[in-house]
Amino acid sequence: MRNARFGCTIFCILAAIWGCRAPAPYWNGTWKLNPSKSNYLGPVITISISADGEYRYDDGMVTNTFRCDGKYQPLGNNRTQACVKGSATTLDRTRMENGVKTNTYHWELSEDGKVFTSTAVELRPSGPIMMGQLVASRISGSNDFAGQWRDTSFLQWHSELMLKLDRQYLHIGYPTTGQYVDAPLDGADAPMYGRLAVPGITYAVRMTGQREFFFLAKLNGKALKQESLELNNNGKVITDCWWNPDKPNAKSRLVYERK
């Protein structure tokens, strides 16, 4: 009888410990963004044009430079790119890999110069596929594409959040763009997939409690941002906060509600 009681006690202790570590089931499902409760306006894009005609694009994650002279320039890994400026308000870049056209990027300004639209297309054997479209409003500058732009399409891309949690992985997906990451809960780096995923981006995830996750996003191995997902007590609201590791007090926030 004593051994039976001892075994029962041990079982209860282990069950209690496992219960504390087991992930809460309330995370699973699709969550809809509530913009009115969020404080994020969208990333700022900076475009500059040097005196000798070199364009520089920087959105805080991706930076690239190119010239619009119609000539194919090497990009590395057997890839080349050419840019042609069709008018004061349009330009087109075409990329090739091993001599085969793979992608096009069309830039266009609205008639008043206040809206910048960039459309990316993948050229597949079965036909062209639009990979994404960025729409941004002008913050500064008044001439050509040069200036700062606020990406207003970011909130649309993140209008829904899909989560699926088990004892080993957290699946994070954005249905609008098709981006997703299956992150192991042991903190190992996991790549993001999808047609709009930035190459070299990884996420490391740690569960800091039944109702909170901590993320570390890296770009090519370098820390890019820190992020947390927090589930409220009734399991109906998720708050997504992120910040630059060098600026922990400047946090952006998106609030999602159960769909």
Protein backbone atom coordinates (compact mmCIF):
# COMPACT_ATOMS: atom_id res chain seq x y z
CA MET A 1 0.00 0.00 0.00
CA ARG A 2 2.87 2.32 0.85
CA ASN A 3 4.52 1.68 -2.53
CA ALA A 4 1.21 2.30 -4.29
CA ARG A 5 0.78 5.62 -2.50
CA PHE A 6 4.39 6.57 -3.26
CA GLY A 7 3.90 5.73 -6.94
CA CYS A 8 0.68 7.71 -7.07
CA THR A 9 2.41 10.70 -5.47
CA ILE A 10 5.26 10.59 -7.98
CA PHE A 11 2.79 10.29 -10.86
CA CYS A 12 0.85 13.35 -9.63
CA ILE A 13 4.04 15.37 -9.25
CA LEU A 14 5.19 14.47 -12.77
CA ALA A 15 1.74 15.20 -14.16
CA ALA A 16 1.79 18.61 -12.49
CA ILE A 17 5.24 19.39 -13.88
CA TRP A 18 4.27 18.29 -17.39
CA GLY A 19 1.03 20.22 -17.13
CA CYS A 20 3.00 23.42 -16.40
CA ARG A 21 5.18 22.86 -19.40
CA ALA A 22 2.47 21.77 -21.80
CA PRO A 23 1.54 24.50 -24.29
CA ALA A 24 -1.84 26.16 -23.92
CA PRO A 25 -4.26 25.03 -26.64
CA TYR A 26 -5.73 28.52 -27.00
CA TRP A 27 -3.06 29.63 -29.48
CA ASN A 28 -4.34 27.47 -32.34
CA GLY A 29 -6.50 29.07 -35.00
CA THR A 30 -6.75 32.13 -37.23
CA TRP A 31 -6.46 35.61 -35.76
CA LYS A 32 -7.65 38.87 -37.37
CA LEU A 33 -5.74 42.15 -37.05
CA ASN A 34 -7.44 45.02 -35.21
CA PRO A 35 -5.70 48.13 -36.66
CA SER A 36 -7.46 50.50 -34.23
CA LYS A 37 -5.74 48.82 -31.26
CA SER A 38 -2.34 48.57 -32.98
CA ASN A 39 0.32 51.25 -33.08
CA TYR A 40 2.24 50.22 -36.18
CA LEU A 41 2.14 52.48 -39.24
CA GLY A 42 4.32 50.44 -41.60
CA PRO A 43 8.03 50.38 -42.46
CA VAL A 44 9.78 53.34 -44.03
CA ILE A 45 11.49 52.87 -47.39
CA THR A 46 14.30 55.17 -48.48
CA ILE A 47 15.15 55.61 -52.16
CA SER A 48 18.06 57.79 -53.24
CA ILE A 49 19.54 58.60 -56.64
CA SER A 50 23.20 59.62 -56.83
CA ALA A 51 24.52 62.36 -59.08
CA ASP A 52 25.82 59.75 -61.52
CA GLY A 53 22.46 57.94 -61.73
CA GLU A 54 22.80 55.07 -59.25
CA TYR A 55 19.57 54.10 -57.44
CA ARG A 56 19.67 52.87 -53.86
CA TYR A 57 16.68 51.12 -52.23
CA ASP A 58 16.62 50.45 -48.46
CA ASP A 59 13.60 49.19 -46.48
CA GLY A 60 15.51 48.33 -43.30
CA MET A 61 15.78 44.66 -44.23
CA VAL A 62 16.78 44.69 -47.87
CA THR A 63 19.21 47.09 -49.51
CA ASN A 64 20.15 47.06 -53.18
CA THR A 65 21.64 49.40 -55.75
CA PHE A 66 21.31 49.52 -59.52
CA ARG A 67 21.68 51.75 -62.56
CA CYS A 68 18.95 52.40 -65.11
CA ASP A 69 21.09 52.35 -68.25
CA GLY A 70 19.55 49.30 -69.96
CA LYS A 71 22.70 47.22 -69.51
CA TYR A 72 22.78 43.88 -67.72
CA GLN A 73 24.98 44.06 -64.62
CA PRO A 74 26.24 41.03 -62.62
CA LEU A 75 24.56 40.24 -59.29
CA GLY A 76 26.57 37.12 -58.44
CA ASN A 77 25.64 33.41 -58.59
CA ASN A 78 25.22 33.56 -62.39
CA ARG A 79 22.56 36.26 -62.08
CA THR A 80 22.35 39.59 -63.89
CA GLN A 81 19.97 42.54 -63.86
CA ALA A 82 19.09 45.36 -66.25
CA CYS A 83 16.99 48.46 -65.59
CA VAL A 84 15.18 50.61 -68.14
CA LYS A 85 13.45 53.86 -67.26
CA GLY A 86 10.36 54.17 -69.43
CA SER A 87 9.34 57.65 -68.27
CA ALA A 88 9.66 60.06 -65.36
CA THR A 89 7.17 57.93 -63.43
CA THR A 90 8.04 54.34 -64.42
CA LEU A 91 11.04 52.03 -64.49
CA ASP A 92 11.46 48.30 -65.03
CA ARG A 93 14.12 45.89 -63.84
CA THR A 94 14.63 42.43 -65.35
CA ARG A 95 16.69 39.68 -63.75
CA MET A 96 18.26 36.73 -65.48
CA GLU A 97 19.85 33.55 -64.13
CA ASN A 98 22.14 31.52 -66.37
CA GLY A 99 20.91 33.61 -69.28
CA VAL A 100 17.19 32.96 -68.62
CA LYS A 101 14.81 35.71 -67.51
CA THR A 102 13.46 34.91 -64.03
CA ASN A 103 11.91 38.05 -62.51
CA THR A 104 10.68 41.54 -63.34
CA TYR A 105 10.16 44.50 -61.01
CA HIS A 106 7.96 47.40 -62.12
CA TRP A 107 8.11 50.74 -60.30
CA GLU A 108 5.46 53.37 -60.86
CA LEU A 109 4.55 56.77 -59.40
CA SER A 110 1.06 58.18 -59.26
CA GLU A 111 0.34 61.31 -61.32
CA ASP A 112 0.77 63.56 -58.28
CA GLY A 113 3.98 61.74 -57.24
CA LYS A 114 2.61 60.87 -53.79
CA VAL A 115 2.10 57.10 -54.20
CA PHE A 116 4.82 54.60 -55.09
CA THR A 117 3.87 51.12 -56.32
CA SER A 118 6.33 48.27 -56.84
CA THR A 119 5.17 45.03 -58.45
CA ALA A 120 7.29 41.85 -58.47
CA VAL A 121 6.65 39.11 -61.05
CA GLU A 122 8.24 35.67 -61.33
CA LEU A 123 8.65 34.38 -64.89
CA ARG A 124 7.85 30.66 -64.79
CA PRO A 125 7.69 28.19 -67.70
CA SER A 126 3.93 28.00 -67.17
CA GLY A 127 3.61 31.79 -67.34
CA PRO A 128 4.25 34.91 -65.23
CA ILE A 129 3.11 34.93 -61.59
CA MET A 130 2.77 38.10 -59.53
CA MET A 131 4.82 37.54 -56.37
CA GLY A 132 3.78 40.65 -54.51
CA GLN A 133 2.95 44.32 -54.67
CA LEU A 134 4.10 47.11 -52.41
CA VAL A 135 2.14 50.35 -52.13
CA ALA A 136 3.70 53.27 -50.24
CA SER A 137 2.83 56.91 -49.58
CA ARG A 138 5.39 59.71 -49.80
CA ILE A 139 6.86 61.10 -46.58
CA SER A 140 9.59 63.27 -48.07
CA GLY A 141 11.04 64.24 -51.42
CA SER A 142 9.27 65.61 -54.44
CA ASN A 143 11.36 64.60 -57.43
CA ASP A 144 11.33 61.22 -59.17
CA PHE A 145 11.37 58.12 -56.91
CA ALA A 146 13.86 59.71 -54.51
CA GLY A 147 12.64 60.27 -50.95
CA GLN A 148 11.15 58.41 -48.01
CA TRP A 149 8.02 56.30 -48.35
CA ARG A 150 5.68 54.68 -45.83
CA ASP A 151 4.75 51.12 -46.78
CA THR A 152 0.97 51.01 -46.39
CA SER A 153 0.67 47.45 -47.70
CA PHE A 154 2.33 45.90 -44.62
CA LEU A 155 -0.86 45.90 -42.55
CA GLN A 156 -2.77 44.31 -45.40
CA TRP A 157 -0.18 41.52 -45.67
CA HIS A 158 -0.48 40.92 -41.92
CA SER A 159 -4.25 41.25 -41.71
CA GLU A 160 -4.51 37.63 -40.59
CA LEU A 161 -2.26 35.48 -38.43
CA MET A 162 -2.46 31.68 -38.37
CA LEU A 163 -0.99 29.73 -35.45
CA LYS A 164 -0.67 26.03 -34.75
CA LEU A 165 1.15 24.84 -31.65
CA ASP A 166 2.17 21.39 -30.50
CA ARG A 167 4.81 20.15 -28.04
CA GLN A 168 7.66 20.59 -30.53
CA TYR A 169 6.81 23.33 -33.04
CA LEU A 170 5.02 26.63 -33.42
CA HIS A 171 3.64 27.21 -36.92
CA ILE A 172 3.29 30.91 -37.74
CA GLY A 173 1.61 31.80 -41.02
CA TYR A 174 0.28 34.86 -42.85
CA PRO A 175 -2.42 33.60 -45.26
CA THR A 176 -2.50 36.81 -47.32
CA THR A 177 1.12 36.44 -48.46
CA GLY A 178 1.65 32.70 -48.00
CA GLN A 179 4.62 33.31 -45.68
CA TYR A 180 5.16 30.86 -42.84
CA VAL A 181 7.73 29.48 -40.45
CA ASP A 182 7.71 26.18 -38.52
CA ALA A 183 9.84 27.05 -35.52
CA PRO A 184 11.03 24.37 -33.08
CA LEU A 185 10.43 25.23 -29.44
CA ASP A 186 14.06 24.47 -28.52
CA GLY A 187 15.24 27.85 -29.86
CA ALA A 188 16.88 26.54 -33.05
CA ASP A 189 16.90 28.88 -36.06
CA ALA A 190 14.16 28.14 -38.61
CA PRO A 191 13.83 29.71 -42.07
CA MET A 192 10.75 31.57 -43.24
CA TYR A 193 9.12 30.25 -46.42
CA GLY A 194 6.77 31.78 -48.95
CA ARG A 195 6.85 33.84 -52.11
CA LEU A 196 7.51 37.10 -50.23
CA ALA A 197 9.95 35.71 -47.67
CA VAL A 198 13.26 37.58 -47.55
CA PRO A 199 16.18 35.23 -48.31
CA GLY A 200 18.39 34.64 -45.26
CA ILE A 201 15.67 35.41 -42.67
CA THR A 202 15.43 32.95 -39.75
CA TYR A 203 13.41 32.84 -36.52
CA ALA A 204 14.42 31.31 -33.19
CA VAL A 205 11.50 30.75 -30.79
CA ARG A 206 11.41 30.18 -27.04
CA MET A 207 8.29 29.62 -24.96
CA THR A 208 8.60 31.85 -21.89
CA GLY A 209 5.26 30.75 -20.42
CA GLN A 210 2.00 29.13 -21.44
CA ARG A 211 0.84 32.48 -22.78
CA GLU A 212 4.00 34.05 -24.18
CA PHE A 213 6.63 33.36 -26.85
CA PHE A 214 9.89 35.18 -27.46
CA PHE A 215 11.39 35.39 -30.97
CA LEU A 216 14.78 36.38 -32.29
CA ALA A 217 14.80 37.16 -36.00
CA LYS A 218 18.10 37.10 -37.88
CA LEU A 219 19.17 38.12 -41.35
CA ASN A 220 22.10 36.03 -42.61
CA GLY A 221 22.96 35.13 -39.01
CA LYS A 222 22.87 38.71 -37.65
CA ALA A 223 20.24 39.76 -35.11
CA LEU A 224 17.57 41.80 -36.88
CA LYS A 225 14.73 42.16 -34.38
CA GLN A 226 13.33 40.77 -31.16
CA GLU A 227 9.66 39.93 -30.87
CA SER A 228 7.08 38.57 -28.45
CA LEU A 229 3.62 37.06 -28.83
CA GLU A 230 1.41 37.32 -25.75
CA LEU A 231 -1.99 35.69 -25.31
CA ASN A 232 -4.43 37.38 -22.93
CA ASN A 233 -6.11 35.55 -20.07
CA ASN A 234 -9.36 34.75 -21.85
CA GLY A 235 -7.54 33.40 -24.90
CA LYS A 236 -9.22 35.83 -27.31
CA VAL A 237 -6.50 38.45 -27.99
CA ILE A 238 -2.88 38.12 -29.10
CA THR A 239 -0.47 41.07 -28.88
CA ASP A 240 2.51 40.96 -31.22
CA CYS A 241 5.33 43.31 -30.14
CA TRP A 242 8.71 43.72 -31.80
CA TRP A 243 11.70 46.00 -31.44
CA ASN A 244 15.24 46.59 -32.63
CA PRO A 245 17.73 44.91 -30.24
CA ASP A 246 19.54 48.27 -29.99
CA LYS A 247 16.30 50.16 -29.20
CA PRO A 248 14.34 48.03 -26.70
CA ASN A 249 12.09 50.94 -25.67
CA ALA A 250 10.85 51.67 -29.21
CA LYS A 251 8.32 48.88 -29.64
CA SER A 252 5.80 48.37 -32.42
CA ARG A 253 2.56 46.53 -31.68
CA LEU A 254 -0.06 44.62 -33.64
CA VAL A 255 -3.18 43.38 -31.87
CA TYR A 256 -4.99 40.29 -33.17
CA GLU A 257 -8.39 38.99 -32.13
CA ARG A 258 -9.67 35.45 -32.52
CA LYS A 259 -11.49 35.08 -35.81
